[in-house]
Amino acid sequence: MSYRDVSSTALDAAEALTRFVVHAQLMLDPLTPEDMRREIEPQLLSVLPTLKALGVFELFAVRDPALRNLIDDELTQRSLRLAEELA
């Protein structure tokens, strides 16, 4: 792996974490309109594989119960789909 690959991976990881935090904050903001939440949710969920690979969810806990359940459900569904594909 070259320096460029490592740098690109670090940027991708930082971008994924930034996107997650920004989208999570919007999801939790009571002033965020419902139609915007529906647009944001898939974007938030799309970065979960990267964050899981980085070990973010082993280090940090999502305190909001609804957001935590959304994330847990999505990660479970992704794991089940992967297991089915590999079977």
Protein backbone atom coordinates (compact mmCIF):
# COMPACT_ATOMS: atom_id res chain seq x y z
CA MET A 1 0.00 0.00 0.00
CA SER A 2 1.44 3.35 -1.01
CA TYR A 3 1.38 6.60 0.93
CA ARG A 4 -1.26 7.85 -1.48
CA ASP A 5 -3.49 4.84 -0.65
CA VAL A 6 -3.10 5.43 3.09
CA SER A 7 -3.82 9.13 2.67
CA SER A 8 -6.89 8.40 0.55
CA THR A 9 -8.16 5.85 3.08
CA ALA A 10 -7.68 8.30 5.95
CA LEU A 11 -9.55 10.97 4.00
CA ASP A 12 -12.38 8.54 3.24
CA ALA A 13 -12.56 7.60 6.93
CA ALA A 14 -12.54 11.22 8.06
CA GLU A 15 -15.18 12.10 5.47
CA ALA A 16 -17.39 9.19 6.57
CA LEU A 17 -17.12 10.21 10.22
CA THR A 18 -17.84 13.85 9.39
CA ARG A 19 -20.86 12.92 7.29
CA PHE A 20 -22.17 10.67 10.04
CA VAL A 21 -21.87 13.34 12.73
CA VAL A 22 -23.45 16.06 10.59
CA HIS A 23 -26.33 13.83 9.50
CA ALA A 24 -26.87 12.48 13.03
CA GLN A 25 -27.04 16.02 14.41
CA LEU A 26 -29.63 16.94 11.79
CA MET A 27 -31.64 13.80 12.53
CA LEU A 28 -31.68 14.66 16.24
CA ASP A 29 -32.48 18.34 15.81
CA PRO A 30 -36.19 18.84 16.55
CA LEU A 31 -36.23 21.74 14.08
CA THR A 32 -35.20 19.54 11.13
CA PRO A 33 -38.25 19.10 8.88
CA GLU A 34 -39.51 15.53 8.43
CA ASP A 35 -38.95 15.56 4.65
CA MET A 36 -35.31 16.52 5.24
CA ARG A 37 -34.95 13.69 7.77
CA ARG A 38 -36.16 11.24 5.13
CA GLU A 39 -33.51 12.56 2.73
CA ILE A 40 -30.76 12.46 5.36
CA GLU A 41 -31.45 8.96 6.72
CA PRO A 42 -30.09 6.97 3.73
CA GLN A 43 -27.02 9.21 3.64
CA LEU A 44 -26.40 8.56 7.33
CA LEU A 45 -26.88 4.81 6.88
CA SER A 46 -24.58 4.68 3.85
CA VAL A 47 -21.48 5.47 5.94
CA LEU A 48 -22.15 2.81 8.59
CA PRO A 49 -20.01 0.09 6.94
CA THR A 50 -16.99 2.40 6.96
CA LEU A 51 -17.55 3.39 10.58
CA LYS A 52 -18.05 -0.24 11.59
CA ALA A 53 -14.82 -1.22 9.81
CA LEU A 54 -13.03 1.54 11.70
CA GLY A 55 -14.34 0.19 15.00
CA VAL A 56 -16.21 3.40 15.82
CA PHE A 57 -19.15 1.56 17.38
CA GLU A 58 -16.83 -0.45 19.65
CA LEU A 59 -15.34 2.80 20.96
CA PHE A 60 -18.36 5.10 21.11
CA ALA A 61 -22.01 4.61 22.00
CA VAL A 62 -24.88 6.46 20.37
CA ARG A 63 -26.84 7.86 23.30
CA ASP A 64 -30.10 8.68 21.55
CA PRO A 65 -32.24 5.50 21.73
CA ALA A 66 -34.06 6.03 18.42
CA LEU A 67 -30.86 6.75 16.50
CA ARG A 68 -29.09 3.85 18.22
CA ASN A 69 -31.92 1.49 17.24
CA LEU A 70 -31.86 2.75 13.65
CA ILE A 71 -28.12 2.11 13.44
CA ASP A 72 -28.32 -1.29 15.17
CA ASP A 73 -31.16 -2.40 12.88
CA GLU A 74 -29.29 -1.32 9.76
CA LEU A 75 -26.05 -3.02 10.82
CA THR A 76 -27.98 -6.21 11.66
CA GLN A 77 -29.73 -6.18 8.28
CA ARG A 78 -26.42 -5.63 6.47
CA SER A 79 -24.85 -8.53 8.38
CA LEU A 80 -27.77 -10.82 7.52
CA ARG A 81 -27.59 -9.87 3.83
CA LEU A 82 -23.85 -10.52 3.79
CA ALA A 83 -24.31 -13.91 5.47
CA GLU A 84 -26.95 -14.85 2.89
CA GLU A 85 -24.66 -13.80 0.04
CA LEU A 86 -21.81 -15.88 1.42
CA ALA A 87 -23.98 -18.96 2.03
